[in-house]
């Protein structure tokens, strides 16, 4: 009887082990709404790109991606928000070329502008356009350059603040024509565009995503696109080289970032959603209307993004140091 009881107890114990409850499953990603932080004002070119990408990525992720504009301080306020966010993939940053210039433009920051992020993938390279108020007297780039050089102390140039793409484009323009215009910074290119449309600003250099509709609607004067070749959305707009200013060439790349420490599997899931989004016919068509194209699929990966980003930091560092214009 004792032996029987012992065997029975051992059998019950083994059975209990077999039916022990499984370990608690990890929550799936994403399991709630995601936030895309745009470090510039609503209505600007980066905001436009972000909303198109967020909508398309959300379809693949099965969750809504909302865009939150956190502008100010040349994009560093929004970038800091993401650097300090919980690294669970539900808060990401969509930023432009400023991610390559911030490490040099700002000598003191409350976050690490490079090590604070996990690159997810590149999104698009957007051409820049040189535009002016609708009643600016020049009709060609050569005429505009002549006026800038003659009246440089009387003209004002708008940008979205130090470090913004419009600021970098303006530095390049003024260097190319050797004429330092008065610079008027705004909290985003959306407000700057409104002032240009109102005729209170003379000139601005901005991305095609923010200027194409105004150019086609004859609301502004356009003098050049800053790419080696003309673009399909604005076939009649000459390149800066065609206009006699080959040194004035720049495009603005955009990328997606997660906070440092975000697990690799989540970064890869976001990268996959980005790659799907960049093949979405609706996004591709809208990008084309705005004068840009999605990057090739092999550039929308974490590894390719990181390599390109680091190379661009090295490219801009000597240019900014030579200009001696720091944000702090």
Protein backbone atom coordinates (compact mmCIF):
# COMPACT_ATOMS: atom_id res chain seq x y z
CA UNK A 1 0.00 0.00 0.00
CA UNK A 2 2.87 2.36 0.85
CA UNK A 3 4.57 1.56 -2.45
CA UNK A 4 1.29 2.10 -4.34
CA UNK A 5 0.67 5.45 -2.64
CA UNK A 6 4.20 6.62 -3.44
CA UNK A 7 3.79 5.68 -7.11
CA UNK A 8 0.46 7.47 -7.26
CA UNK A 9 1.93 10.66 -5.80
CA UNK A 10 4.86 10.55 -8.27
CA UNK A 11 2.45 10.09 -11.16
CA UNK A 12 0.31 13.02 -10.05
CA UNK A 13 3.39 15.21 -9.70
CA UNK A 14 4.54 14.32 -13.22
CA UNK A 15 1.07 15.01 -14.60
CA UNK A 16 1.01 18.37 -12.90
CA UNK A 17 4.35 19.25 -14.50
CA UNK A 18 3.02 18.30 -17.93
CA UNK A 19 0.05 20.59 -17.65
CA UNK A 20 1.87 23.53 -16.03
CA UNK A 21 0.71 26.86 -17.49
CA UNK A 22 2.91 28.18 -20.32
CA UNK A 23 5.14 31.22 -19.84
CA UNK A 24 3.38 34.51 -20.41
CA UNK A 25 3.58 35.47 -24.09
CA UNK A 26 5.29 38.71 -25.07
CA UNK A 27 2.92 41.35 -26.47
CA UNK A 28 2.94 41.60 -30.25
CA UNK A 29 4.28 44.68 -32.04
CA UNK A 30 2.68 47.03 -32.67
CA UNK A 31 -0.11 46.71 -30.15
CA UNK A 32 -1.37 50.31 -30.18
CA UNK A 33 -1.24 53.54 -32.17
CA UNK A 34 2.24 54.64 -33.25
CA UNK A 35 3.47 58.24 -33.22
CA UNK A 36 5.71 59.74 -35.89
CA UNK A 37 7.46 62.82 -34.51
CA UNK A 38 8.15 65.47 -37.16
CA UNK A 39 10.57 68.07 -35.76
CA UNK A 40 9.16 70.88 -37.90
CA UNK A 41 5.90 72.81 -38.23
CA UNK A 42 2.84 71.35 -39.93
CA UNK A 43 2.50 72.17 -43.60
CA UNK A 44 6.22 72.01 -44.36
CA UNK A 45 7.93 69.57 -46.74
CA UNK A 46 9.08 67.08 -44.12
CA UNK A 47 5.59 67.09 -42.64
CA UNK A 48 4.14 66.30 -46.09
CA UNK A 49 6.52 63.36 -46.58
CA UNK A 50 5.84 62.09 -43.07
CA UNK A 51 2.07 62.02 -43.42
CA UNK A 52 2.24 60.08 -46.67
CA UNK A 53 4.69 57.56 -45.21
CA UNK A 54 2.77 57.20 -41.93
CA UNK A 55 -0.47 56.44 -43.72
CA UNK A 56 1.12 53.81 -45.94
CA UNK A 57 3.13 52.17 -43.13
CA UNK A 58 0.08 52.05 -40.90
CA UNK A 59 -1.71 49.88 -43.44
CA UNK A 60 1.07 47.28 -43.31
CA UNK A 61 1.48 47.43 -39.53
CA UNK A 62 -2.26 47.15 -38.91
CA UNK A 63 -2.19 50.16 -36.60
CA UNK A 64 -2.74 53.88 -37.06
CA UNK A 65 0.38 56.02 -37.28
CA UNK A 66 -0.30 59.60 -36.18
CA UNK A 67 2.00 62.50 -37.00
CA UNK A 68 2.90 64.90 -34.19
CA UNK A 69 4.68 68.14 -35.05
CA UNK A 70 7.27 69.15 -32.45
CA UNK A 71 9.01 72.11 -34.07
CA UNK A 72 11.61 74.53 -32.82
CA UNK A 73 15.35 74.85 -32.27
CA UNK A 74 16.23 73.71 -35.79
CA UNK A 75 14.53 70.36 -35.34
CA UNK A 76 16.34 69.43 -32.14
CA UNK A 77 13.28 69.62 -29.86
CA UNK A 78 11.44 66.91 -31.75
CA UNK A 79 14.60 64.86 -32.17
CA UNK A 80 15.22 65.00 -28.43
CA UNK A 81 11.66 63.86 -27.74
CA UNK A 82 12.32 60.66 -29.68
CA UNK A 83 15.81 60.14 -28.24
CA UNK A 84 14.21 60.15 -24.78
CA UNK A 85 11.17 58.06 -25.73
CA UNK A 86 10.55 54.51 -24.56
CA UNK A 87 12.44 52.21 -26.97
CA UNK A 88 9.47 50.02 -27.84
CA UNK A 89 9.00 51.13 -31.45
CA UNK A 90 5.77 53.04 -30.87
CA UNK A 91 7.46 56.45 -31.14
CA UNK A 92 9.67 57.15 -34.15
CA UNK A 93 11.30 60.16 -35.78
CA UNK A 94 11.11 61.21 -39.41
CA UNK A 95 13.84 63.76 -40.07
CA UNK A 96 15.76 65.07 -43.04
CA UNK A 97 19.37 66.00 -43.85
CA UNK A 98 19.47 67.89 -40.56
CA UNK A 99 20.36 64.59 -38.89
CA UNK A 100 23.72 64.84 -40.68
CA UNK A 101 24.36 68.50 -39.85
CA UNK A 102 23.12 68.70 -36.25
CA UNK A 103 26.22 66.93 -34.82
CA UNK A 104 28.35 69.84 -36.11
CA UNK A 105 25.89 72.75 -35.94
CA UNK A 106 25.17 72.14 -32.24
CA UNK A 107 28.12 71.88 -29.88
CA UNK A 108 25.97 71.41 -26.76
CA UNK A 109 22.86 69.24 -26.79
CA UNK A 110 20.90 67.47 -24.06
CA UNK A 111 20.92 64.25 -26.10
CA UNK A 112 23.33 62.40 -28.38
CA UNK A 113 22.38 63.31 -31.98
CA UNK A 114 23.99 60.14 -33.35
CA UNK A 115 24.13 57.43 -30.69
CA UNK A 116 20.62 58.30 -29.50
CA UNK A 117 18.92 56.47 -32.39
CA UNK A 118 18.48 53.24 -34.28
CA UNK A 119 18.21 53.98 -38.04
CA UNK A 120 15.23 52.26 -39.67
CA UNK A 121 15.65 53.20 -43.33
CA UNK A 122 15.94 56.05 -45.80
CA UNK A 123 12.73 57.36 -47.37
CA UNK A 124 13.36 59.80 -50.21
CA UNK A 125 15.78 62.32 -51.70
CA UNK A 126 13.90 65.55 -52.32
CA UNK A 127 15.21 68.18 -54.78
CA UNK A 128 15.34 71.82 -53.72
CA UNK A 129 14.01 74.77 -55.71
CA UNK A 130 14.99 78.43 -55.63
CA UNK A 131 11.84 80.54 -55.60
CA UNK A 132 10.90 84.20 -55.08
CA UNK A 133 7.83 86.31 -54.41
CA UNK A 134 5.51 86.53 -57.41
CA UNK A 135 6.55 90.09 -58.29
CA UNK A 136 10.31 89.67 -57.94
CA UNK A 137 11.82 91.43 -60.99
CA UNK A 138 14.04 88.61 -62.30
CA UNK A 139 12.74 86.09 -64.85
CA UNK A 140 15.79 83.79 -65.05
CA UNK A 141 18.33 82.45 -62.59
CA UNK A 142 21.06 84.60 -64.14
CA UNK A 143 18.93 87.72 -63.66
CA UNK A 144 18.11 86.69 -60.08
CA UNK A 145 21.81 86.21 -59.28
CA UNK A 146 22.62 89.64 -60.71
CA UNK A 147 19.95 91.26 -58.53
CA UNK A 148 21.12 89.36 -55.44
CA UNK A 149 24.70 90.47 -55.99
CA UNK A 150 23.68 94.08 -56.66
CA UNK A 151 21.09 94.48 -53.89
CA UNK A 152 22.29 91.90 -51.38
CA UNK A 153 21.89 94.31 -48.42
CA UNK A 154 18.29 95.10 -49.42
CA UNK A 155 17.00 91.54 -49.94
CA UNK A 156 15.76 89.07 -47.37
CA UNK A 157 15.95 85.29 -47.53
CA UNK A 158 13.57 83.06 -45.55
CA UNK A 159 14.40 79.76 -43.91
CA UNK A 160 12.97 77.45 -41.28
CA UNK A 161 15.74 78.14 -38.76
CA UNK A 162 19.38 77.18 -38.35
CA UNK A 163 19.93 73.59 -39.41
CA UNK A 164 16.79 73.39 -41.54
CA UNK A 165 17.15 72.29 -45.16
CA UNK A 166 16.17 75.76 -46.31
CA UNK A 167 18.95 77.22 -44.15
CA UNK A 168 21.57 74.86 -45.61
CA UNK A 169 20.37 75.57 -49.14
CA UNK A 170 20.60 79.30 -48.43
CA UNK A 171 24.17 78.95 -47.15
CA UNK A 172 25.09 77.15 -50.35
CA UNK A 173 23.36 79.79 -52.52
CA UNK A 174 25.00 82.75 -50.79
CA UNK A 175 28.37 81.01 -50.99
CA UNK A 176 27.91 80.27 -54.70
CA UNK A 177 27.02 83.89 -55.58
CA UNK A 178 29.25 85.48 -52.91
CA UNK A 179 26.44 87.67 -51.60
CA UNK A 180 25.27 87.42 -47.95
CA UNK A 181 21.58 88.36 -47.89
CA UNK A 182 19.65 89.17 -44.73
CA UNK A 183 18.32 85.89 -43.36
CA UNK A 184 14.87 85.70 -41.76
CA UNK A 185 14.27 82.48 -39.79
CA UNK A 186 10.77 81.08 -39.22
CA UNK A 187 9.38 78.21 -37.16
CA UNK A 188 9.07 75.98 -40.18
CA UNK A 189 8.91 76.40 -43.94
CA UNK A 190 5.11 76.46 -43.85
CA UNK A 191 5.06 79.90 -42.14
CA UNK A 192 7.96 81.04 -44.34
CA UNK A 193 6.01 80.10 -47.46
CA UNK A 194 3.03 82.11 -46.27
CA UNK A 195 5.21 85.20 -45.91
CA UNK A 196 6.69 84.64 -49.37
CA UNK A 197 3.21 84.28 -50.89
CA UNK A 198 2.22 87.52 -49.16
CA UNK A 199 5.18 89.28 -50.77
CA UNK A 200 6.90 90.15 -47.48
CA UNK A 201 9.86 87.86 -48.21
CA UNK A 202 12.01 88.08 -51.34
CA UNK A 203 13.58 84.64 -51.77
CA UNK A 204 13.51 81.13 -50.38
CA UNK A 205 15.03 77.77 -51.21
CA UNK A 206 12.76 74.87 -50.34
CA UNK A 207 11.99 71.27 -51.16
CA UNK A 208 9.79 70.40 -54.12
CA UNK A 209 7.34 68.76 -51.73
CA UNK A 210 6.55 72.26 -50.46
CA UNK A 211 6.95 74.33 -53.64
CA UNK A 212 5.67 72.33 -56.63
CA UNK A 213 2.01 73.27 -56.24
CA UNK A 214 2.83 76.96 -55.75
CA UNK A 215 5.14 76.92 -58.79
CA UNK A 216 2.58 75.22 -61.02
CA UNK A 217 -0.09 77.61 -59.74
CA UNK A 218 2.09 80.62 -60.64
CA UNK A 219 1.92 81.83 -57.05
CA UNK A 220 5.69 82.23 -56.89
CA UNK A 221 8.54 82.69 -59.34
CA UNK A 222 10.84 79.69 -59.74
CA UNK A 223 14.40 79.93 -61.04
CA UNK A 224 16.04 76.53 -60.68
CA UNK A 225 15.90 73.00 -59.31
CA UNK A 226 19.08 72.04 -57.44
CA UNK A 227 19.61 68.63 -59.05
CA UNK A 228 21.84 67.44 -61.91
CA UNK A 229 18.80 66.79 -64.12
CA UNK A 230 15.36 68.32 -64.48
CA UNK A 231 12.50 66.63 -62.65
CA UNK A 232 9.30 65.21 -64.09
CA UNK A 233 6.97 67.28 -61.91
CA UNK A 234 8.54 70.54 -63.15
CA UNK A 235 9.91 69.75 -66.63
CA UNK A 236 10.19 73.41 -67.65
CA UNK A 237 12.24 74.43 -64.62
CA UNK A 238 15.96 74.46 -65.51
CA UNK A 239 18.64 73.02 -63.25
CA UNK A 240 20.96 75.36 -61.41
CA UNK A 241 23.78 74.26 -63.71
CA UNK A 242 21.69 75.13 -66.77
CA UNK A 243 21.10 78.54 -65.21
CA UNK A 244 24.82 79.15 -64.87
CA UNK A 245 25.27 78.17 -61.21
CA UNK A 246 26.69 74.61 -61.14
CA UNK A 247 28.01 75.00 -57.57
CA UNK A 248 24.43 75.38 -56.34
CA UNK A 249 23.42 71.71 -56.15
CA UNK A 250 21.82 69.96 -53.16
CA UNK A 251 19.04 67.49 -52.37
CA UNK A 252 17.39 66.69 -49.06
CA UNK A 253 17.23 63.09 -47.90
CA UNK A 254 14.77 61.87 -45.28
CA UNK A 255 15.08 58.94 -42.90
CA UNK A 256 13.15 57.15 -40.17
CA UNK A 257 14.60 56.53 -36.68
CA UNK A 258 13.70 54.70 -33.46
CA UNK A 259 15.12 55.50 -30.01
CA UNK A 260 18.40 53.85 -29.05
CA UNK A 261 17.86 50.46 -27.49
CA UNK A 262 14.81 49.55 -29.56
CA UNK A 263 15.01 45.75 -30.07
CA UNK A 264 16.36 44.66 -33.45
CA UNK A 265 13.24 42.66 -34.27
CA UNK A 266 11.09 45.79 -33.83
CA UNK A 267 13.47 47.92 -35.90
CA UNK A 268 13.34 45.28 -38.64
CA UNK A 269 9.55 45.14 -38.50
CA UNK A 270 9.37 48.90 -38.92
CA UNK A 271 11.88 48.72 -41.76
CA UNK A 272 9.78 46.08 -43.50
CA UNK A 273 6.68 48.28 -43.15
CA UNK A 274 8.66 51.20 -44.59
CA UNK A 275 9.76 49.13 -47.57
CA UNK A 276 6.16 48.07 -48.20
CA UNK A 277 5.02 51.69 -47.91
CA UNK A 278 7.59 52.88 -50.44
CA UNK A 279 6.14 50.43 -52.99
CA UNK A 280 2.55 51.58 -52.35
CA UNK A 281 1.21 52.92 -55.67
CA UNK A 282 -0.68 55.71 -53.92
CA UNK A 283 2.46 56.94 -52.15
CA UNK A 284 4.59 56.61 -55.28
CA UNK A 285 2.08 58.60 -57.35
CA UNK A 286 1.78 61.35 -54.74
CA UNK A 287 5.55 61.58 -54.33
CA UNK A 288 5.86 61.96 -58.10
CA UNK A 289 3.34 64.79 -58.09
CA UNK A 290 5.48 66.53 -55.48
CA UNK A 291 8.67 66.17 -57.51
CA UNK A 292 10.34 63.30 -55.66
CA UNK A 293 10.66 59.49 -55.67
CA UNK A 294 10.96 56.83 -52.96
CA UNK A 295 14.49 55.54 -52.42
CA UNK A 296 15.46 52.14 -53.82
CA UNK A 297 14.45 49.25 -51.58
CA UNK A 298 18.03 48.42 -50.61
CA UNK A 299 18.39 51.92 -49.11
CA UNK A 300 15.31 51.54 -46.91
CA UNK A 301 17.17 49.25 -44.49
CA UNK A 302 18.83 49.93 -41.13
CA UNK A 303 22.34 49.06 -42.36
CA UNK A 304 22.17 51.17 -45.53
CA UNK A 305 20.65 54.06 -43.62
CA UNK A 306 23.38 54.01 -40.96
CA UNK A 307 26.20 53.92 -43.53
CA UNK A 308 24.74 56.79 -45.57
CA UNK A 309 24.04 58.87 -42.47
CA UNK A 310 27.58 58.53 -41.15
CA UNK A 311 29.05 59.44 -44.56
CA UNK A 312 26.87 62.56 -44.79
CA UNK A 313 27.90 63.69 -41.30
CA UNK A 314 31.51 63.52 -42.48
CA UNK A 315 30.62 65.43 -45.68
CA UNK A 316 28.90 68.38 -43.97
CA UNK A 317 31.25 68.76 -40.99
CA UNK A 318 34.01 70.70 -42.80
CA UNK A 319 31.48 72.83 -44.71
CA UNK A 320 29.75 73.99 -41.53
CA UNK A 321 33.03 74.49 -39.66
CA UNK A 322 34.38 76.60 -42.54
CA UNK A 323 31.22 78.77 -42.54
CA UNK A 324 31.55 79.23 -38.79
CA UNK A 325 27.77 79.25 -38.31
CA UNK A 326 26.79 77.30 -35.23
CA UNK A 327 23.33 77.06 -33.74
CA UNK A 328 24.57 77.51 -30.18
